Structures are given as structure tokens and as C-alpha cells.
């Protein structure tokens, strides 16, 4: 692309390189064997050294290049000097070469909010379920998720030591999504993906109401959205609070960029402004196609349970 790329394109290009750096940190910590696990609110809400280092790397790297953006990260970390070897200053050239959608050409840094989950699927990470793990960097403008980057640090890990580990995908409204092959579940099958470790009666009742032919239970919000866009699942159904904005911003942007939808269980979109509450308290419903079918099948009892949260 000739001339100076738009701010948002430079930010996405940086987020791509920064997510790859964070993925390398996540792998390095695992290989060291010293995970540094602490419980935040309980045994299903963990933080590791990888979460802490990856978030430091992401936030410090992006702030250095874009000092006026707002970044909201999952981990509540003290302000401290970040080691230089955690800083990533690269930008993905393939993204800089793309033409910025007209609606976003004039955006300024201070108008952009970046939602960061440095390690989505921490519990699975500690249990060796490495394909569930992602690094999520989502970019929002005027409350809408407009771009996102997902890194899978352990993509291909089942293939053994000779395989190249990891991959990064990204997407932007008005441009599309890249780094994977878009596939759909056959139209005559309904495969629902849902939580592996945060289930309850409301969650189960809602999944059953979708009349699925198959149910997949895995960790990580980013991982579940990847299942949708790669044709492994038709819908992600999670009728409970638990997911946060940093879990859904990046995946939502990529899903929307290929024509999918992510809403709460009532079919309402989430807002990603800097001042919103972090919890997605009315659950998460995401689909690549036929969103209304799933919204319409949410039982009244489930809706009532979510309204009382």
C-alpha cells in the first residue's frame, strides 16, 4: 500500500505481530515447566506466569507504538517497568498492504479501545489441553468490535516435534478474515459447542433446547469461535455469565467479518466501549449462519434466569 497506512490498519498489523510474540511467550513458559499458577476467584479461574508475561508484552508493545489508545486486559497487574525483551515492535506487512475500509480511514488512536485476553483457556493450558488455548486482541470503535487477532500458540502440537507450532488469524469488518479456511457445518446438522468447565442446569437446558445432533464441550471462547468458522460447530451456546468482553471482542470481529453473529442469549449485541461492565452477563450465543433459529429456541426459563443475574 502506497503512502501512510491508516492508524487502525497499523494497529491491527501491530496486534498481529504482538499476538505472535505473546504466543511464543505462552509456549516458552509451558516448556520451562514453571507455570506459576495462582487462583484468582477459585479453581476454575486461574492465572499463570504466561498470562502475566503475555499481557505485559501485549500492553507495553501496543502502548509504545500507539500511546493514545485505551487497552483493557484481563489480568489486573501492577504498573511496573516492562523488560525490553517483552516488547514487540514489528507490524505484519500483509496487513499494511490491505486497503483500509472507508469507514475507518480517519479513525484516531484515542477513538479505539483494545480488549486483551493474553491467554484464553488458562485452565486448559494448565491441564495440557493445548489446542483450547488462544491469545486474543480485539479492537473496538464506538462500542463495536471492528477488528480482531487470534493466535493459537499450540496449533499443530499433536503432530509432534517436527511440526511448525502456532498460527495467527485476523479479521476486520469490511475486509474479511484471513489465516484460516472458512468452512461450514452441513446444513442438515446442528453441532453445538459449549463450556467444558463452567456448566450448570441453565447452560445444559439451553443447549438441549437447540436440539443438537452433537454437543462439543471445550475450553476457551476464542477456541469455540474458531470451531464455528472452520466448520466444526454450528453454534456456540453459553447461557450464563462468565465470559468477559476480552473473551469475545476479537472473536466477534473475526466472526462478523465472515458474515456470522455474536450476541447475548436474547439476540442483543454487546458494547465494547471503555466504560462498559466487563462481564457478558446475559450469556453468549454465536453462529456462522441461522442465528435467529438459535435465539428463538432459548427457553423462557433460561431467559428468566439470565434476567435475574
C-alpha atoms as a PDB file:
ATOM      1  CA  UNK A   1       0.000   0.000   0.000  1.00  0.00           C
ATOM      2  CA  UNK A   2       1.468   3.345  -1.007  1.00  0.00           C
ATOM      3  CA  UNK A   3       1.573   6.264   1.400  1.00  0.00           C
ATOM      4  CA  UNK A   4       0.918   6.098   5.118  1.00  0.00           C
ATOM      5  CA  UNK A   5      -1.471   3.306   6.226  1.00  0.00           C
ATOM      6  CA  UNK A   6      -4.447   4.340   8.344  1.00  0.00           C
ATOM      7  CA  UNK A   7      -3.994   4.245  12.124  1.00  0.00           C
ATOM      8  CA  UNK A   8      -6.349   1.288  12.542  1.00  0.00           C
ATOM      9  CA  UNK A   9      -4.502  -0.746   9.882  1.00  0.00           C
ATOM     10  CA  UNK A  10      -1.198  -0.076  11.635  1.00  0.00           C
ATOM     11  CA  UNK A  11      -2.785  -1.070  14.937  1.00  0.00           C
ATOM     12  CA  UNK A  12      -4.101  -4.362  13.518  1.00  0.00           C
ATOM     13  CA  UNK A  13      -0.717  -5.044  11.876  1.00  0.00           C
ATOM     14  CA  UNK A  14       0.990  -4.437  15.223  1.00  0.00           C
ATOM     15  CA  UNK A  15      -1.562  -6.557  17.089  1.00  0.00           C
ATOM     16  CA  UNK A  16      -0.795  -9.437  14.708  1.00  0.00           C
ATOM     17  CA  UNK A  17       2.948  -9.329  15.454  1.00  0.00           C
ATOM     18  CA  UNK A  18       2.328  -8.731  19.167  1.00  0.00           C
ATOM     19  CA  UNK A  19      -0.049 -11.730  19.346  1.00  0.00           C
ATOM     20  CA  UNK A  20       2.627 -13.924  17.765  1.00  0.00           C
ATOM     21  CA  UNK A  21       5.145 -12.711  20.355  1.00  0.00           C
ATOM     22  CA  UNK A  22       2.623 -13.447  23.141  1.00  0.00           C
ATOM     23  CA  UNK A  23       2.070 -16.932  21.708  1.00  0.00           C
ATOM     24  CA  UNK A  24       5.819 -17.561  21.823  1.00  0.00           C
ATOM     25  CA  UNK A  25       5.860 -16.446  25.485  1.00  0.00           C
ATOM     26  CA  UNK A  26       2.989 -18.831  26.297  1.00  0.00           C
ATOM     27  CA  UNK A  27       4.921 -21.720  24.702  1.00  0.00           C
ATOM     28  CA  UNK A  28       8.166 -20.792  26.464  1.00  0.00           C
ATOM     29  CA  UNK A  29       6.554 -20.739  29.914  1.00  0.00           C
ATOM     30  CA  UNK A  30       4.962 -24.151  29.318  1.00  0.00           C
ATOM     31  CA  UNK A  31       8.236 -25.650  28.145  1.00  0.00           C
ATOM     32  CA  UNK A  32      10.012 -24.245  31.225  1.00  0.00           C
ATOM     33  CA  UNK A  33       7.692 -26.310  33.441  1.00  0.00           C
ATOM     34  CA  UNK A  34       7.321 -23.395  35.875  1.00  0.00           C
ATOM     35  CA  UNK A  35       3.740 -22.209  35.270  1.00  0.00           C
ATOM     36  CA  UNK A  36       3.464 -20.035  38.385  1.00  0.00           C
ATOM     37  CA  UNK A  37      -0.249 -20.812  38.882  1.00  0.00           C
ATOM     38  CA  UNK A  38      -2.370 -18.682  41.205  1.00  0.00           C
ATOM     39  CA  UNK A  39      -6.117 -18.903  41.800  1.00  0.00           C
ATOM     40  CA  UNK A  40      -7.970 -15.624  41.184  1.00  0.00           C
ATOM     41  CA  UNK A  41     -11.530 -16.397  42.308  1.00  0.00           C
ATOM     42  CA  UNK A  42     -11.317 -20.196  42.526  1.00  0.00           C
ATOM     43  CA  UNK A  43     -10.006 -23.394  40.961  1.00  0.00           C
ATOM     44  CA  UNK A  44     -11.734 -22.653  37.643  1.00  0.00           C
ATOM     45  CA  UNK A  45     -10.339 -19.103  37.460  1.00  0.00           C
ATOM     46  CA  UNK A  46      -6.579 -19.372  37.238  1.00  0.00           C
ATOM     47  CA  UNK A  47      -3.696 -17.129  36.310  1.00  0.00           C
ATOM     48  CA  UNK A  48      -0.238 -18.313  35.291  1.00  0.00           C
ATOM     49  CA  UNK A  49       3.124 -16.708  34.622  1.00  0.00           C
ATOM     50  CA  UNK A  50       2.226 -16.978  30.930  1.00  0.00           C
ATOM     51  CA  UNK A  51      -0.923 -14.845  31.442  1.00  0.00           C
ATOM     52  CA  UNK A  52       1.109 -12.213  33.270  1.00  0.00           C
ATOM     53  CA  UNK A  53       4.059 -12.042  30.878  1.00  0.00           C
ATOM     54  CA  UNK A  54       1.902 -12.184  27.740  1.00  0.00           C
ATOM     55  CA  UNK A  55      -0.310  -9.324  28.933  1.00  0.00           C
ATOM     56  CA  UNK A  56       2.711  -7.215  29.876  1.00  0.00           C
ATOM     57  CA  UNK A  57       4.168  -7.847  26.432  1.00  0.00           C
ATOM     58  CA  UNK A  58       0.940  -7.030  24.566  1.00  0.00           C
ATOM     59  CA  UNK A  59       0.090  -3.867  26.502  1.00  0.00           C
ATOM     60  CA  UNK A  60       3.601  -2.430  26.618  1.00  0.00           C
ATOM     61  CA  UNK A  61       4.216  -3.149  22.934  1.00  0.00           C
ATOM     62  CA  UNK A  62       0.963  -1.574  21.752  1.00  0.00           C
ATOM     63  CA  UNK A  63       1.255   1.450  24.061  1.00  0.00           C
ATOM     64  CA  UNK A  64       4.766   2.154  22.806  1.00  0.00           C
ATOM     65  CA  UNK A  65       3.534   2.434  19.217  1.00  0.00           C
ATOM     66  CA  UNK A  66       0.042   3.804  19.984  1.00  0.00           C
ATOM     67  CA  UNK A  67       0.251   5.820  23.220  1.00  0.00           C
ATOM     68  CA  UNK A  68      -3.282   7.222  22.964  1.00  0.00           C
ATOM     69  CA  UNK A  69      -5.313   4.024  22.605  1.00  0.00           C
ATOM     70  CA  UNK A  70      -7.236   2.535  25.535  1.00  0.00           C
ATOM     71  CA  UNK A  71      -6.263  -1.043  26.446  1.00  0.00           C
ATOM     72  CA  UNK A  72      -8.330  -3.206  28.783  1.00  0.00           C
ATOM     73  CA  UNK A  73      -6.678  -6.508  29.728  1.00  0.00           C
ATOM     74  CA  UNK A  74      -7.957  -9.469  31.679  1.00  0.00           C
ATOM     75  CA  UNK A  75      -5.181  -9.569  34.225  1.00  0.00           C
ATOM     76  CA  UNK A  76      -5.057  -6.977  36.996  1.00  0.00           C
ATOM     77  CA  UNK A  77      -1.327  -6.321  37.064  1.00  0.00           C
ATOM     78  CA  UNK A  78       0.699  -3.688  38.941  1.00  0.00           C
ATOM     79  CA  UNK A  79       2.232  -0.850  36.929  1.00  0.00           C
ATOM     80  CA  UNK A  80       5.904  -1.577  36.537  1.00  0.00           C
ATOM     81  CA  UNK A  81       8.726  -1.285  34.054  1.00  0.00           C
ATOM     82  CA  UNK A  82       8.479  -3.952  31.345  1.00  0.00           C
ATOM     83  CA  UNK A  83      11.638  -5.756  30.253  1.00  0.00           C
ATOM     84  CA  UNK A  84      12.773  -4.773  26.791  1.00  0.00           C
ATOM     85  CA  UNK A  85      12.789  -8.383  25.601  1.00  0.00           C
ATOM     86  CA  UNK A  86       8.996  -8.475  26.063  1.00  0.00           C
ATOM     87  CA  UNK A  87       8.494  -5.606  23.599  1.00  0.00           C
ATOM     88  CA  UNK A  88       7.458  -6.400  20.012  1.00  0.00           C
ATOM     89  CA  UNK A  89       7.721  -3.506  17.564  1.00  0.00           C
ATOM     90  CA  UNK A  90       7.038  -5.387  14.311  1.00  0.00           C
ATOM     91  CA  UNK A  91       3.995  -4.966  12.083  1.00  0.00           C
ATOM     92  CA  UNK A  92       2.570  -7.608   9.731  1.00  0.00           C
ATOM     93  CA  UNK A  93       3.339  -6.374   6.230  1.00  0.00           C
ATOM     94  CA  UNK A  94       0.444  -8.320   4.675  1.00  0.00           C
ATOM     95  CA  UNK A  95      -1.984  -6.243   6.744  1.00  0.00           C
ATOM     96  CA  UNK A  96      -0.304  -2.932   5.938  1.00  0.00           C
ATOM     97  CA  UNK A  97      -0.723  -3.779   2.246  1.00  0.00           C
ATOM     98  CA  UNK A  98      -4.519  -4.011   2.564  1.00  0.00           C
ATOM     99  CA  UNK A  99      -6.749  -1.041   1.776  1.00  0.00           C
ATOM    100  CA  UNK A 100      -8.484   0.288   4.868  1.00  0.00           C
ATOM    101  CA  UNK A 101     -12.298   0.237   4.707  1.00  0.00           C
ATOM    102  CA  UNK A 102     -13.597   3.756   4.037  1.00  0.00           C
ATOM    103  CA  UNK A 103     -15.472   3.938   7.369  1.00  0.00           C
ATOM    104  CA  UNK A 104     -12.261   3.501   9.354  1.00  0.00           C
ATOM    105  CA  UNK A 105      -9.701   5.528   7.376  1.00  0.00           C
ATOM    106  CA  UNK A 106      -9.877   8.612   9.581  1.00  0.00           C
ATOM    107  CA  UNK A 107     -10.034   6.918  12.987  1.00  0.00           C
ATOM    108  CA  UNK A 108      -7.716   8.315  15.650  1.00  0.00           C
ATOM    109  CA  UNK A 109      -5.884   6.364  18.339  1.00  0.00           C
ATOM    110  CA  UNK A 110      -7.975   7.870  21.134  1.00  0.00           C
ATOM    111  CA  UNK A 111     -11.171   6.575  19.497  1.00  0.00           C
ATOM    112  CA  UNK A 112     -10.029   2.945  19.680  1.00  0.00           C
ATOM    113  CA  UNK A 113     -10.432   0.506  22.575  1.00  0.00           C
ATOM    114  CA  UNK A 114      -8.341  -2.673  22.615  1.00  0.00           C
ATOM    115  CA  UNK A 115      -9.596  -5.673  24.624  1.00  0.00           C
ATOM    116  CA  UNK A 116      -6.878  -8.197  25.533  1.00  0.00           C
ATOM    117  CA  UNK A 117      -7.068 -11.749  26.818  1.00  0.00           C
ATOM    118  CA  UNK A 118      -3.396 -12.754  26.960  1.00  0.00           C
ATOM    119  CA  UNK A 119      -4.220 -16.450  27.456  1.00  0.00           C
ATOM    120  CA  UNK A 120      -7.780 -17.586  26.842  1.00  0.00           C
ATOM    121  CA  UNK A 121      -8.242 -21.112  28.194  1.00  0.00           C
ATOM    122  CA  UNK A 122      -5.877 -20.857  31.168  1.00  0.00           C
ATOM    123  CA  UNK A 123      -7.397 -23.858  32.959  1.00  0.00           C
ATOM    124  CA  UNK A 124      -6.943 -25.997  29.842  1.00  0.00           C
ATOM    125  CA  UNK A 125      -3.380 -24.679  29.493  1.00  0.00           C
ATOM    126  CA  UNK A 126      -2.563 -25.974  32.978  1.00  0.00           C
ATOM    127  CA  UNK A 127      -4.138 -29.358  32.151  1.00  0.00           C
ATOM    128  CA  UNK A 128      -2.361 -29.905  28.838  1.00  0.00           C
ATOM    129  CA  UNK A 129      -5.407 -29.313  26.603  1.00  0.00           C
ATOM    130  CA  UNK A 130      -3.272 -27.055  24.479  1.00  0.00           C
ATOM    131  CA  UNK A 131      -5.464 -26.830  21.366  1.00  0.00           C
ATOM    132  CA  UNK A 132      -8.009 -24.909  23.505  1.00  0.00           C
ATOM    133  CA  UNK A 133      -5.565 -22.064  24.176  1.00  0.00           C
ATOM    134  CA  UNK A 134      -5.631 -18.720  22.329  1.00  0.00           C
ATOM    135  CA  UNK A 135      -4.269 -15.178  22.607  1.00  0.00           C
ATOM    136  CA  UNK A 136      -6.998 -12.610  21.871  1.00  0.00           C
ATOM    137  CA  UNK A 137      -6.596  -8.962  20.837  1.00  0.00           C
ATOM    138  CA  UNK A 138      -9.814  -7.214  19.828  1.00  0.00           C
ATOM    139  CA  UNK A 139     -10.226  -3.639  18.568  1.00  0.00           C
ATOM    140  CA  UNK A 140     -13.438  -1.682  19.091  1.00  0.00           C
ATOM    141  CA  UNK A 141     -14.712   1.649  17.774  1.00  0.00           C
ATOM    142  CA  UNK A 142     -17.871   3.338  19.045  1.00  0.00           C
ATOM    143  CA  UNK A 143     -18.687   0.214  21.046  1.00  0.00           C
ATOM    144  CA  UNK A 144     -18.459  -2.181  18.114  1.00  0.00           C
ATOM    145  CA  UNK A 145     -15.856  -4.904  17.636  1.00  0.00           C
ATOM    146  CA  UNK A 146     -14.330  -3.920  14.270  1.00  0.00           C
ATOM    147  CA  UNK A 147     -11.117  -5.962  14.122  1.00  0.00           C
ATOM    148  CA  UNK A 148      -9.541  -8.872  15.898  1.00  0.00           C
ATOM    149  CA  UNK A 149      -6.467 -11.079  16.056  1.00  0.00           C
ATOM    150  CA  UNK A 150      -6.401 -14.640  17.413  1.00  0.00           C
ATOM    151  CA  UNK A 151      -3.159 -16.524  17.931  1.00  0.00           C
ATOM    152  CA  UNK A 152      -3.214 -20.267  18.637  1.00  0.00           C
ATOM    153  CA  UNK A 153       0.190 -20.896  20.258  1.00  0.00           C
ATOM    154  CA  UNK A 154      -0.069 -24.688  20.086  1.00  0.00           C
ATOM    155  CA  UNK A 155      -1.759 -25.188  16.723  1.00  0.00           C
ATOM    156  CA  UNK A 156      -0.370 -28.457  15.272  1.00  0.00           C
ATOM    157  CA  UNK A 157       1.057 -29.605  18.623  1.00  0.00           C
ATOM    158  CA  UNK A 158      -0.457 -33.076  18.177  1.00  0.00           C
ATOM    159  CA  UNK A 159       1.759 -33.605  15.120  1.00  0.00           C
ATOM    160  CA  UNK A 160       4.884 -33.891  17.261  1.00  0.00           C
ATOM    161  CA  UNK A 161       8.218 -32.136  17.491  1.00  0.00           C
ATOM    162  CA  UNK A 162       8.749 -31.766  13.740  1.00  0.00           C
ATOM    163  CA  UNK A 163       5.648 -29.620  13.151  1.00  0.00           C
ATOM    164  CA  UNK A 164       5.650 -25.839  12.991  1.00  0.00           C
ATOM    165  CA  UNK A 165       3.762 -24.725  16.098  1.00  0.00           C
ATOM    166  CA  UNK A 166       1.182 -21.958  16.158  1.00  0.00           C
ATOM    167  CA  UNK A 167      -0.865 -19.874  13.754  1.00  0.00           C
ATOM    168  CA  UNK A 168      -2.440 -16.422  13.729  1.00  0.00           C
ATOM    169  CA  UNK A 169      -5.732 -15.366  12.159  1.00  0.00           C
ATOM    170  CA  UNK A 170      -7.205 -11.903  11.881  1.00  0.00           C
ATOM    171  CA  UNK A 171     -10.264 -10.165  10.548  1.00  0.00           C
ATOM    172  CA  UNK A 172     -11.773  -6.738  10.037  1.00  0.00           C
ATOM    173  CA  UNK A 173     -15.259  -5.592   9.174  1.00  0.00           C
ATOM    174  CA  UNK A 174     -15.365  -4.561   5.530  1.00  0.00           C
ATOM    175  CA  UNK A 175     -12.198  -6.513   4.689  1.00  0.00           C
ATOM    176  CA  UNK A 176     -12.864 -10.136   5.620  1.00  0.00           C
ATOM    177  CA  UNK A 177     -10.859 -12.620   7.670  1.00  0.00           C
ATOM    178  CA  UNK A 178      -7.553 -14.318   6.981  1.00  0.00           C
ATOM    179  CA  UNK A 179      -5.274 -17.091   8.253  1.00  0.00           C
ATOM    180  CA  UNK A 180      -7.745 -19.990   8.099  1.00  0.00           C
ATOM    181  CA  UNK A 181     -10.036 -21.740   5.621  1.00  0.00           C
ATOM    182  CA  UNK A 182     -13.693 -20.833   6.111  1.00  0.00           C
ATOM    183  CA  UNK A 183     -15.885 -23.934   6.322  1.00  0.00           C
ATOM    184  CA  UNK A 184     -19.475 -24.602   7.364  1.00  0.00           C
ATOM    185  CA  UNK A 185     -21.183 -27.499   9.105  1.00  0.00           C
ATOM    186  CA  UNK A 186     -23.549 -29.252   6.635  1.00  0.00           C
ATOM    187  CA  UNK A 187     -26.948 -27.531   6.637  1.00  0.00           C
ATOM    188  CA  UNK A 188     -28.745 -30.644   7.899  1.00  0.00           C
ATOM    189  CA  UNK A 189     -26.613 -30.903  11.067  1.00  0.00           C
ATOM    190  CA  UNK A 190     -26.695 -28.860  14.261  1.00  0.00           C
ATOM    191  CA  UNK A 191     -23.487 -29.136  16.288  1.00  0.00           C
ATOM    192  CA  UNK A 192     -23.369 -27.037  19.456  1.00  0.00           C
ATOM    193  CA  UNK A 193     -20.120 -26.129  21.194  1.00  0.00           C
ATOM    194  CA  UNK A 194     -20.327 -25.067  24.820  1.00  0.00           C
ATOM    195  CA  UNK A 195     -18.349 -24.728  28.023  1.00  0.00           C
ATOM    196  CA  UNK A 196     -16.199 -27.514  29.348  1.00  0.00           C
ATOM    197  CA  UNK A 197     -15.717 -26.349  32.940  1.00  0.00           C
ATOM    198  CA  UNK A 198     -18.403 -23.720  33.696  1.00  0.00           C
ATOM    199  CA  UNK A 199     -21.628 -25.646  33.127  1.00  0.00           C
ATOM    200  CA  UNK A 200     -24.833 -25.604  35.185  1.00  0.00           C
ATOM    201  CA  UNK A 201     -28.502 -26.531  34.731  1.00  0.00           C
ATOM    202  CA  UNK A 202     -29.316 -23.328  32.820  1.00  0.00           C
ATOM    203  CA  UNK A 203     -26.435 -23.878  30.406  1.00  0.00           C
ATOM    204  CA  UNK A 204     -27.431 -27.520  29.849  1.00  0.00           C
ATOM    205  CA  UNK A 205     -31.143 -26.735  29.428  1.00  0.00           C
ATOM    206  CA  UNK A 206     -30.335 -24.139  26.791  1.00  0.00           C
ATOM    207  CA  UNK A 207     -28.003 -26.448  24.872  1.00  0.00           C
ATOM    208  CA  UNK A 208     -30.656 -29.190  24.853  1.00  0.00           C
ATOM    209  CA  UNK A 209     -33.307 -26.735  23.639  1.00  0.00           C
ATOM    210  CA  UNK A 210     -31.298 -26.219  20.449  1.00  0.00           C
ATOM    211  CA  UNK A 211     -31.999 -29.887  19.585  1.00  0.00           C
ATOM    212  CA  UNK A 212     -28.387 -30.520  18.587  1.00  0.00           C
ATOM    213  CA  UNK A 213     -27.256 -33.645  16.783  1.00  0.00           C
ATOM    214  CA  UNK A 214     -23.964 -33.347  18.651  1.00  0.00           C
ATOM    215  CA  UNK A 215     -22.564 -31.353  21.590  1.00  0.00           C
ATOM    216  CA  UNK A 216     -18.875 -30.460  21.951  1.00  0.00           C
ATOM    217  CA  UNK A 217     -17.541 -29.305  25.322  1.00  0.00           C
ATOM    218  CA  UNK A 218     -14.251 -27.438  25.109  1.00  0.00           C
ATOM    219  CA  UNK A 219     -12.431 -24.588  26.827  1.00  0.00           C
ATOM    220  CA  UNK A 220     -11.809 -21.053  25.611  1.00  0.00           C
ATOM    221  CA  UNK A 221     -14.131 -18.587  23.894  1.00  0.00           C
ATOM    222  CA  UNK A 222     -11.618 -17.970  21.117  1.00  0.00           C
ATOM    223  CA  UNK A 223     -11.344 -21.705  20.515  1.00  0.00           C
ATOM    224  CA  UNK A 224     -15.133 -22.053  20.192  1.00  0.00           C
ATOM    225  CA  UNK A 225     -15.375 -19.277  17.604  1.00  0.00           C
ATOM    226  CA  UNK A 226     -12.609 -20.989  15.615  1.00  0.00           C
ATOM    227  CA  UNK A 227     -14.773 -24.128  15.647  1.00  0.00           C
ATOM    228  CA  UNK A 228     -17.598 -22.097  14.056  1.00  0.00           C
ATOM    229  CA  UNK A 229     -15.516 -20.611  11.256  1.00  0.00           C
ATOM    230  CA  UNK A 230     -13.749 -23.906  10.483  1.00  0.00           C
ATOM    231  CA  UNK A 231     -16.953 -25.935  10.184  1.00  0.00           C
ATOM    232  CA  UNK A 232     -16.621 -27.979  13.385  1.00  0.00           C
ATOM    233  CA  UNK A 233     -19.653 -26.423  15.120  1.00  0.00           C
ATOM    234  CA  UNK A 234     -22.846 -24.628  14.096  1.00  0.00           C
ATOM    235  CA  UNK A 235     -23.405 -22.594  17.268  1.00  0.00           C
ATOM    236  CA  UNK A 236     -21.598 -21.578  20.442  1.00  0.00           C
ATOM    237  CA  UNK A 237     -24.187 -21.606  23.241  1.00  0.00           C
ATOM    238  CA  UNK A 238     -23.293 -20.390  26.743  1.00  0.00           C
ATOM    239  CA  UNK A 239     -26.387 -19.306  28.707  1.00  0.00           C
ATOM    240  CA  UNK A 240     -24.573 -17.972  31.750  1.00  0.00           C
ATOM    241  CA  UNK A 241     -22.488 -15.043  32.938  1.00  0.00           C
ATOM    242  CA  UNK A 242     -18.807 -15.879  32.867  1.00  0.00           C
ATOM    243  CA  UNK A 243     -17.490 -14.670  29.539  1.00  0.00           C
ATOM    244  CA  UNK A 244     -15.956 -11.202  29.596  1.00  0.00           C
ATOM    245  CA  UNK A 245     -15.521  -8.553  26.895  1.00  0.00           C
ATOM    246  CA  UNK A 246     -11.866  -9.522  26.383  1.00  0.00           C
ATOM    247  CA  UNK A 247     -13.034 -13.093  25.639  1.00  0.00           C
ATOM    248  CA  UNK A 248     -15.428 -12.034  22.877  1.00  0.00           C
ATOM    249  CA  UNK A 249     -14.186  -8.817  21.223  1.00  0.00           C
ATOM    250  CA  UNK A 250     -11.546 -10.323  18.915  1.00  0.00           C
ATOM    251  CA  UNK A 251     -13.527 -13.498  18.098  1.00  0.00           C
ATOM    252  CA  UNK A 252     -16.679 -11.462  17.421  1.00  0.00           C
ATOM    253  CA  UNK A 253     -14.861  -9.197  14.960  1.00  0.00           C
ATOM    254  CA  UNK A 254     -13.476 -12.167  13.016  1.00  0.00           C
ATOM    255  CA  UNK A 255     -16.835 -13.963  13.063  1.00  0.00           C
ATOM    256  CA  UNK A 256     -18.696 -10.834  11.880  1.00  0.00           C
ATOM    257  CA  UNK A 257     -16.118 -10.264   9.146  1.00  0.00           C
ATOM    258  CA  UNK A 258     -17.204 -13.564   7.538  1.00  0.00           C
ATOM    259  CA  UNK A 259     -20.945 -12.997   7.993  1.00  0.00           C
ATOM    260  CA  UNK A 260     -21.507 -14.606  11.408  1.00  0.00           C
ATOM    261  CA  UNK A 261     -23.047 -13.119  14.543  1.00  0.00           C
ATOM    262  CA  UNK A 262     -22.285 -12.998  18.257  1.00  0.00           C
ATOM    263  CA  UNK A 263     -24.931 -11.733  20.680  1.00  0.00           C
ATOM    264  CA  UNK A 264     -26.263 -12.355  24.156  1.00  0.00           C
ATOM    265  CA  UNK A 265     -28.912 -15.055  24.631  1.00  0.00           C
ATOM    266  CA  UNK A 266     -31.647 -12.506  23.807  1.00  0.00           C
ATOM    267  CA  UNK A 267     -30.099 -11.635  20.429  1.00  0.00           C
ATOM    268  CA  UNK A 268     -28.719  -8.271  21.604  1.00  0.00           C
ATOM    269  CA  UNK A 269     -25.240  -7.171  20.603  1.00  0.00           C
ATOM    270  CA  UNK A 270     -22.610  -6.409  23.224  1.00  0.00           C
ATOM    271  CA  UNK A 271     -20.988  -2.993  23.527  1.00  0.00           C
ATOM    272  CA  UNK A 272     -17.207  -2.669  23.784  1.00  0.00           C
ATOM    273  CA  UNK A 273     -16.815   0.928  24.933  1.00  0.00           C
ATOM    274  CA  UNK A 274     -14.122   1.550  27.530  1.00  0.00           C
ATOM    275  CA  UNK A 275     -16.648   2.228  30.299  1.00  0.00           C
ATOM    276  CA  UNK A 276     -18.894  -0.861  29.938  1.00  0.00           C
ATOM    277  CA  UNK A 277     -19.012  -3.602  32.564  1.00  0.00           C
ATOM    278  CA  UNK A 278     -16.597  -6.363  31.689  1.00  0.00           C
ATOM    279  CA  UNK A 279     -18.951  -9.307  32.241  1.00  0.00           C
ATOM    280  CA  UNK A 280     -21.146 -10.581  29.384  1.00  0.00           C
ATOM    281  CA  UNK A 281     -23.886 -11.161  31.940  1.00  0.00           C
ATOM    282  CA  UNK A 282     -26.619 -12.302  29.514  1.00  0.00           C
ATOM    283  CA  UNK A 283     -24.550 -15.182  28.115  1.00  0.00           C
ATOM    284  CA  UNK A 284     -23.060 -15.684  24.667  1.00  0.00           C
ATOM    285  CA  UNK A 285     -24.686 -17.041  21.519  1.00  0.00           C
ATOM    286  CA  UNK A 286     -22.555 -17.150  18.372  1.00  0.00           C
ATOM    287  CA  UNK A 287     -23.227 -18.633  14.945  1.00  0.00           C
ATOM    288  CA  UNK A 288     -21.860 -18.531  11.439  1.00  0.00           C
ATOM    289  CA  UNK A 289     -25.352 -18.909   9.945  1.00  0.00           C
ATOM    290  CA  UNK A 290     -29.028 -19.121  11.056  1.00  0.00           C
ATOM    291  CA  UNK A 291     -28.588 -17.031  14.193  1.00  0.00           C
ATOM    292  CA  UNK A 292     -32.306 -16.374  14.597  1.00  0.00           C
ATOM    293  CA  UNK A 293     -33.060 -20.112  14.788  1.00  0.00           C
ATOM    294  CA  UNK A 294     -30.927 -20.385  17.915  1.00  0.00           C
ATOM    295  CA  UNK A 295     -32.140 -17.141  19.510  1.00  0.00           C
ATOM    296  CA  UNK A 296     -35.748 -18.277  19.066  1.00  0.00           C
ATOM    297  CA  UNK A 297     -35.056 -21.604  20.779  1.00  0.00           C
ATOM    298  CA  UNK A 298     -33.726 -20.136  24.016  1.00  0.00           C
ATOM    299  CA  UNK A 299     -36.264 -21.331  26.646  1.00  0.00           C
ATOM    300  CA  UNK A 300     -38.211 -18.724  28.682  1.00  0.00           C
ATOM    301  CA  UNK A 301     -36.828 -20.319  31.864  1.00  0.00           C
ATOM    302  CA  UNK A 302     -33.284 -19.631  30.637  1.00  0.00           C
ATOM    303  CA  UNK A 303     -34.169 -16.049  29.730  1.00  0.00           C
ATOM    304  CA  UNK A 304     -35.661 -15.564  33.180  1.00  0.00           C
ATOM    305  CA  UNK A 305     -32.575 -16.989  34.879  1.00  0.00           C
ATOM    306  CA  UNK A 306     -30.339 -14.620  32.930  1.00  0.00           C
ATOM    307  CA  UNK A 307     -32.536 -11.577  33.644  1.00  0.00           C
ATOM    308  CA  UNK A 308     -32.101 -12.182  37.355  1.00  0.00           C
ATOM    309  CA  UNK A 309     -28.284 -12.124  37.119  1.00  0.00           C
END
